[in-house]
C-alpha atoms as a PDB file:
ATOM      1  CA  UNK A   1      24.172 -37.373  10.633  1.00  0.00           C
ATOM      2  CA  UNK A   2      20.626 -37.206  12.022  1.00  0.00           C
ATOM      3  CA  UNK A   3      21.905 -35.364  15.133  1.00  0.00           C
ATOM      4  CA  UNK A   4      23.767 -32.969  12.894  1.00  0.00           C
ATOM      5  CA  UNK A   5      20.643 -32.199  10.856  1.00  0.00           C
ATOM      6  CA  UNK A   6      18.641 -31.612  14.051  1.00  0.00           C
ATOM      7  CA  UNK A   7      21.351 -29.269  15.346  1.00  0.00           C
ATOM      8  CA  UNK A   8      21.401 -27.310  12.092  1.00  0.00           C
ATOM      9  CA  UNK A   9      17.603 -27.014  12.134  1.00  0.00           C
ATOM     10  CA  UNK A  10      17.705 -25.675  15.691  1.00  0.00           C
ATOM     11  CA  UNK A  11      20.470 -23.207  14.904  1.00  0.00           C
ATOM     12  CA  UNK A  12      18.708 -21.954  11.785  1.00  0.00           C
ATOM     13  CA  UNK A  13      15.517 -21.460  13.773  1.00  0.00           C
ATOM     14  CA  UNK A  14      17.395 -19.507  16.435  1.00  0.00           C
ATOM     15  CA  UNK A  15      19.408 -17.565  13.884  1.00  0.00           C
ATOM     16  CA  UNK A  16      16.489 -16.291  11.899  1.00  0.00           C
ATOM     17  CA  UNK A  17      13.915 -15.794  14.624  1.00  0.00           C
ATOM     18  CA  UNK A  18      16.095 -13.353  16.552  1.00  0.00           C
ATOM     19  CA  UNK A  19      16.020  -9.575  16.154  1.00  0.00           C
ATOM     20  CA  UNK A  20      12.951  -7.482  15.507  1.00  0.00           C
ATOM     21  CA  UNK A  21       9.847  -9.348  14.393  1.00  0.00           C
ATOM     22  CA  UNK A  22       8.363  -8.682  10.957  1.00  0.00           C
ATOM     23  CA  UNK A  23       5.789  -5.917  10.816  1.00  0.00           C
ATOM     24  CA  UNK A  24       3.161  -5.448   8.099  1.00  0.00           C
ATOM     25  CA  UNK A  25       2.061  -1.878   7.392  1.00  0.00           C
ATOM     26  CA  UNK A  26      -0.335  -0.337   4.907  1.00  0.00           C
ATOM     27  CA  UNK A  27       0.048   3.147   3.483  1.00  0.00           C
ATOM     28  CA  UNK A  28      -1.873   5.234   0.965  1.00  0.00           C
ATOM     29  CA  UNK A  29      -0.235   7.625  -1.481  1.00  0.00           C
ATOM     30  CA  UNK A  30      -2.612  10.092  -3.069  1.00  0.00           C
ATOM     31  CA  UNK A  31      -2.094  11.193  -6.658  1.00  0.00           C
ATOM     32  CA  UNK A  32      -1.323  14.653  -5.278  1.00  0.00           C
ATOM     33  CA  UNK A  33       1.459  13.601  -2.860  1.00  0.00           C
ATOM     34  CA  UNK A  34       4.738  15.293  -3.825  1.00  0.00           C
ATOM     35  CA  UNK A  35       8.168  14.520  -2.287  1.00  0.00           C
ATOM     36  CA  UNK A  36       9.509  17.900  -3.354  1.00  0.00           C
ATOM     37  CA  UNK A  37       6.635  20.130  -2.195  1.00  0.00           C
ATOM     38  CA  UNK A  38       8.544  21.423   0.831  1.00  0.00           C
ATOM     39  CA  UNK A  39      11.939  23.088   1.190  1.00  0.00           C
ATOM     40  CA  UNK A  40      13.873  20.235   2.829  1.00  0.00           C
ATOM     41  CA  UNK A  41      17.659  20.430   2.964  1.00  0.00           C
ATOM     42  CA  UNK A  42      19.118  19.154  -0.278  1.00  0.00           C
ATOM     43  CA  UNK A  43      15.802  19.195  -2.196  1.00  0.00           C
ATOM     44  CA  UNK A  44      17.156  18.937  -5.762  1.00  0.00           C
ATOM     45  CA  UNK A  45      14.017  20.494  -7.276  1.00  0.00           C
ATOM     46  CA  UNK A  46      13.331  23.823  -5.548  1.00  0.00           C
ATOM     47  CA  UNK A  47      10.981  24.732  -8.397  1.00  0.00           C
ATOM     48  CA  UNK A  48       8.593  22.023  -7.143  1.00  0.00           C
ATOM     49  CA  UNK A  49       8.092  23.672  -3.734  1.00  0.00           C
ATOM     50  CA  UNK A  50       4.433  24.617  -3.171  1.00  0.00           C
ATOM     51  CA  UNK A  51       3.317  23.142  -6.507  1.00  0.00           C
ATOM     52  CA  UNK A  52      -0.367  24.030  -7.143  1.00  0.00           C
ATOM     53  CA  UNK A  53      -2.604  21.063  -6.291  1.00  0.00           C
ATOM     54  CA  UNK A  54       0.203  19.129  -4.575  1.00  0.00           C
ATOM     55  CA  UNK A  55       0.182  17.864  -0.998  1.00  0.00           C
ATOM     56  CA  UNK A  56       3.205  17.081   1.154  1.00  0.00           C
ATOM     57  CA  UNK A  57       4.308  13.452   1.189  1.00  0.00           C
ATOM     58  CA  UNK A  58       3.895  11.860   4.622  1.00  0.00           C
ATOM     59  CA  UNK A  59       6.050   9.283   6.393  1.00  0.00           C
ATOM     60  CA  UNK A  60       4.625   5.747   6.522  1.00  0.00           C
ATOM     61  CA  UNK A  61       2.524   5.460   9.682  1.00  0.00           C
ATOM     62  CA  UNK A  62       1.764   2.807  12.273  1.00  0.00           C
ATOM     63  CA  UNK A  63      -0.938   3.482  14.840  1.00  0.00           C
ATOM     64  CA  UNK A  64      -1.061   7.179  13.975  1.00  0.00           C
ATOM     65  CA  UNK A  65       2.694   7.782  14.319  1.00  0.00           C
ATOM     66  CA  UNK A  66       5.497   7.703  11.776  1.00  0.00           C
ATOM     67  CA  UNK A  67       7.120   4.257  11.709  1.00  0.00           C
ATOM     68  CA  UNK A  68      10.877   4.044  12.275  1.00  0.00           C
ATOM     69  CA  UNK A  69      12.343   1.287  10.061  1.00  0.00           C
ATOM     70  CA  UNK A  70      15.886   1.555  11.519  1.00  0.00           C
ATOM     71  CA  UNK A  71      15.628  -1.794  13.365  1.00  0.00           C
ATOM     72  CA  UNK A  72      15.044  -3.689  10.103  1.00  0.00           C
ATOM     73  CA  UNK A  73      17.268  -4.775   7.213  1.00  0.00           C
ATOM     74  CA  UNK A  74      14.807  -4.210   4.390  1.00  0.00           C
ATOM     75  CA  UNK A  75      11.183  -3.640   3.489  1.00  0.00           C
ATOM     76  CA  UNK A  76       9.178  -5.515   0.860  1.00  0.00           C
ATOM     77  CA  UNK A  77       6.683  -3.213  -0.833  1.00  0.00           C
ATOM     78  CA  UNK A  78       3.687  -4.153  -2.992  1.00  0.00           C
ATOM     79  CA  UNK A  79       1.583  -1.347  -4.486  1.00  0.00           C
ATOM     80  CA  UNK A  80      -1.866  -1.571  -6.062  1.00  0.00           C
ATOM     81  CA  UNK A  81      -4.296   1.034  -7.283  1.00  0.00           C
ATOM     82  CA  UNK A  82      -3.874   3.731  -9.894  1.00  0.00           C
ATOM     83  CA  UNK A  83      -3.506   7.462 -10.246  1.00  0.00           C
ATOM     84  CA  UNK A  84      -5.152   9.486 -12.990  1.00  0.00           C
ATOM     85  CA  UNK A  85      -2.654  11.970 -14.421  1.00  0.00           C
ATOM     86  CA  UNK A  86      -3.127  14.699 -16.991  1.00  0.00           C
ATOM     87  CA  UNK A  87      -6.862  14.445 -16.383  1.00  0.00           C
ATOM     88  CA  UNK A  88      -7.370  11.170 -18.266  1.00  0.00           C
ATOM     89  CA  UNK A  89      -4.549   8.629 -18.119  1.00  0.00           C
ATOM     90  CA  UNK A  90      -4.667   6.049 -15.314  1.00  0.00           C
ATOM     91  CA  UNK A  91      -1.307   4.548 -14.380  1.00  0.00           C
ATOM     92  CA  UNK A  92      -0.259   1.909 -11.884  1.00  0.00           C
ATOM     93  CA  UNK A  93       2.689   2.484  -9.542  1.00  0.00           C
ATOM     94  CA  UNK A  94       5.188   1.568 -12.292  1.00  0.00           C
ATOM     95  CA  UNK A  95       4.186   4.755 -14.149  1.00  0.00           C
ATOM     96  CA  UNK A  96       4.537   5.345 -17.867  1.00  0.00           C
ATOM     97  CA  UNK A  97       7.490   5.030 -20.189  1.00  0.00           C
ATOM     98  CA  UNK A  98       9.995   7.853 -19.934  1.00  0.00           C
ATOM     99  CA  UNK A  99      11.723   9.602 -17.079  1.00  0.00           C
ATOM    100  CA  UNK A 100      10.833  12.687 -15.085  1.00  0.00           C
ATOM    101  CA  UNK A 101      13.354  14.027 -12.587  1.00  0.00           C
ATOM    102  CA  UNK A 102      15.440  10.905 -13.222  1.00  0.00           C
ATOM    103  CA  UNK A 103      12.711   8.373 -12.307  1.00  0.00           C
ATOM    104  CA  UNK A 104       9.763   6.859 -14.236  1.00  0.00           C
ATOM    105  CA  UNK A 105       7.080   9.482 -14.749  1.00  0.00           C
ATOM    106  CA  UNK A 106       3.813   9.068 -12.778  1.00  0.00           C
ATOM    107  CA  UNK A 107       5.358   6.224 -10.763  1.00  0.00           C
ATOM    108  CA  UNK A 108       5.506   5.550  -7.031  1.00  0.00           C
ATOM    109  CA  UNK A 109       8.772   6.911  -5.624  1.00  0.00           C
ATOM    110  CA  UNK A 110      10.253   7.175  -2.161  1.00  0.00           C
ATOM    111  CA  UNK A 111      12.986   8.682  -0.033  1.00  0.00           C
ATOM    112  CA  UNK A 112      14.463   7.751   3.357  1.00  0.00           C
ATOM    113  CA  UNK A 113      14.543  10.423   6.038  1.00  0.00           C
ATOM    114  CA  UNK A 114      16.215  10.628   9.440  1.00  0.00           C
ATOM    115  CA  UNK A 115      13.270  12.667  10.751  1.00  0.00           C
ATOM    116  CA  UNK A 116       9.580  11.836  10.725  1.00  0.00           C
ATOM    117  CA  UNK A 117       7.593  15.064  10.284  1.00  0.00           C
ATOM    118  CA  UNK A 118       9.632  16.577   7.459  1.00  0.00           C
ATOM    119  CA  UNK A 119      12.140  15.122   5.042  1.00  0.00           C
ATOM    120  CA  UNK A 120      15.761  15.103   6.166  1.00  0.00           C
ATOM    121  CA  UNK A 121      17.015  13.027   3.273  1.00  0.00           C
ATOM    122  CA  UNK A 122      19.211   9.963   3.628  1.00  0.00           C
ATOM    123  CA  UNK A 123      20.401   9.558   0.058  1.00  0.00           C
ATOM    124  CA  UNK A 124      18.341  10.367  -3.021  1.00  0.00           C
ATOM    125  CA  UNK A 125      14.805   9.575  -4.114  1.00  0.00           C
ATOM    126  CA  UNK A 126      14.326   6.108  -5.622  1.00  0.00           C
ATOM    127  CA  UNK A 127      11.818   4.172  -7.722  1.00  0.00           C
ATOM    128  CA  UNK A 128       9.421   1.893  -5.822  1.00  0.00           C
ATOM    129  CA  UNK A 129       6.869   0.930  -8.473  1.00  0.00           C
ATOM    130  CA  UNK A 130       4.406  -1.937  -8.003  1.00  0.00           C
ATOM    131  CA  UNK A 131       6.921  -4.213  -6.266  1.00  0.00           C
ATOM    132  CA  UNK A 132      10.263  -3.494  -4.615  1.00  0.00           C
ATOM    133  CA  UNK A 133      12.659  -4.548  -1.904  1.00  0.00           C
ATOM    134  CA  UNK A 134      13.865  -1.407  -0.169  1.00  0.00           C
ATOM    135  CA  UNK A 135      17.122  -1.603   1.790  1.00  0.00           C
ATOM    136  CA  UNK A 136      16.838   0.322   5.049  1.00  0.00           C
ATOM    137  CA  UNK A 137      19.784   2.717   5.415  1.00  0.00           C
ATOM    138  CA  UNK A 138      22.108   2.391   8.381  1.00  0.00           C
ATOM    139  CA  UNK A 139      20.934   5.264  10.554  1.00  0.00           C
ATOM    140  CA  UNK A 140      19.703   5.827  14.100  1.00  0.00           C
ATOM    141  CA  UNK A 141      16.284   6.621  12.571  1.00  0.00           C
ATOM    142  CA  UNK A 142      14.911   5.749   9.130  1.00  0.00           C
ATOM    143  CA  UNK A 143      11.481   6.980   8.055  1.00  0.00           C
ATOM    144  CA  UNK A 144      10.043   6.216   4.624  1.00  0.00           C
ATOM    145  CA  UNK A 145       8.299   8.942   2.626  1.00  0.00           C
ATOM    146  CA  UNK A 146       6.385   7.874  -0.510  1.00  0.00           C
ATOM    147  CA  UNK A 147       4.843   9.967  -3.295  1.00  0.00           C
ATOM    148  CA  UNK A 148       3.840  10.093  -6.945  1.00  0.00           C
ATOM    149  CA  UNK A 149       6.449  11.315  -9.469  1.00  0.00           C
ATOM    150  CA  UNK A 150       4.760  14.179 -11.263  1.00  0.00           C
ATOM    151  CA  UNK A 151       5.205  17.875 -12.001  1.00  0.00           C
ATOM    152  CA  UNK A 152       1.603  19.081 -12.287  1.00  0.00           C
ATOM    153  CA  UNK A 153      -0.636  17.790  -9.506  1.00  0.00           C
ATOM    154  CA  UNK A 154      -3.774  19.917  -9.910  1.00  0.00           C
ATOM    155  CA  UNK A 155      -5.291  17.465 -12.435  1.00  0.00           C
ATOM    156  CA  UNK A 156      -4.442  14.275 -10.476  1.00  0.00           C
ATOM    157  CA  UNK A 157      -6.796  11.907  -8.698  1.00  0.00           C
ATOM    158  CA  UNK A 158      -6.730   8.332  -7.412  1.00  0.00           C
ATOM    159  CA  UNK A 159      -4.248   6.647  -5.113  1.00  0.00           C
ATOM    160  CA  UNK A 160      -1.686   3.908  -4.674  1.00  0.00           C
ATOM    161  CA  UNK A 161      -2.263   1.450  -1.820  1.00  0.00           C
ATOM    162  CA  UNK A 162       0.989   0.053  -0.471  1.00  0.00           C
ATOM    163  CA  UNK A 163       1.564  -3.024   1.695  1.00  0.00           C
ATOM    164  CA  UNK A 164       4.962  -2.968   3.394  1.00  0.00           C
ATOM    165  CA  UNK A 165       6.488  -5.977   5.143  1.00  0.00           C
ATOM    166  CA  UNK A 166       9.656  -5.538   7.178  1.00  0.00           C
ATOM    167  CA  UNK A 167      12.483  -8.062   7.089  1.00  0.00           C
ATOM    168  CA  UNK A 168      14.273  -8.558  10.420  1.00  0.00           C
ATOM    169  CA  UNK A 169      17.921  -8.157  11.228  1.00  0.00           C
ATOM    170  CA  UNK A 170      19.089 -11.246  13.183  1.00  0.00           C
ATOM    171  CA  UNK A 171      20.608 -10.420  16.570  1.00  0.00           C
ATOM    172  CA  UNK A 172      24.403 -10.851  16.881  1.00  0.00           C
ATOM    173  CA  UNK A 173      23.982 -13.658  19.462  1.00  0.00           C
ATOM    174  CA  UNK A 174      21.848 -15.743  17.121  1.00  0.00           C
ATOM    175  CA  UNK A 175      24.248 -15.110  14.249  1.00  0.00           C
ATOM    176  CA  UNK A 176      27.051 -16.385  16.497  1.00  0.00           C
ATOM    177  CA  UNK A 177      25.040 -19.527  17.232  1.00  0.00           C
ATOM    178  CA  UNK A 178      24.449 -20.054  13.543  1.00  0.00           C
ATOM    179  CA  UNK A 179      28.174 -19.588  12.856  1.00  0.00           C
ATOM    180  CA  UNK A 180      29.053 -22.077  15.594  1.00  0.00           C
ATOM    181  CA  UNK A 181      26.668 -24.611  14.118  1.00  0.00           C
ATOM    182  CA  UNK A 182      28.151 -24.243  10.638  1.00  0.00           C
ATOM    183  CA  UNK A 183      31.649 -24.553  12.113  1.00  0.00           C
ATOM    184  CA  UNK A 184      30.505 -27.774  13.836  1.00  0.00           C
ATOM    185  CA  UNK A 185      29.370 -29.114  10.458  1.00  0.00           C
ATOM    186  CA  UNK A 186      32.802 -28.392   9.032  1.00  0.00           C
ATOM    187  CA  UNK A 187      34.579 -30.183  11.877  1.00  0.00           C
ATOM    188  CA  UNK A 188      32.315 -33.250  11.697  1.00  0.00           C
ATOM    189  CA  UNK A 189      32.666 -33.392   7.913  1.00  0.00           C
ATOM    190  CA  UNK A 190      36.423 -33.153   8.148  1.00  0.00           C
ATOM    191  CA  UNK A 191      36.588 -35.897  10.786  1.00  0.00           C
ATOM    192  CA  UNK A 192      34.538 -38.224   8.571  1.00  0.00           C
ATOM    193  CA  UNK A 193      36.828 -37.608   5.611  1.00  0.00           C
ATOM    194  CA  UNK A 194      40.005 -38.295   7.633  1.00  0.00           C
ATOM    195  CA  UNK A 195      38.560 -41.412   9.309  1.00  0.00           C
END
């Protein structure tokens, strides 16, 4: 039994240390960042293009370049800070009660894109808020654009500070090793029961 436990420990270590290593990134979203400020294909809100006071949302960066999340399974996001909307109300990344464009108003929202300099949407925009686990889409490239969910940006100030931690995808070889180890447990357990 002790050998079996050692084997399982080794296989689990191999199984979950394979693949891409976790990366921690930080990103800032200004209160003026707008996902819909440009005319990207499929933009469901063409009336939000070139909104006065708004700035274009940018892809999450690493070392001055947009970070491609495609090699990872998911991303854990934690957001702090606040944005002042309507000239007086400070909100955290969860926003206020009520929806705007289908998501919580004044909240932190995001969209996946297959390109890094402009949005080429993979799916629809989604709520991020103060804490979220974002599933990386299956795509050759996956860039994350984040913004504040608002309609009038000229009276906004402040920012959300986001810490993003990637979660690795185990390599197929290490998953095979893990599977073999679990199969070994089943065989040993069965032998003990029949003995």
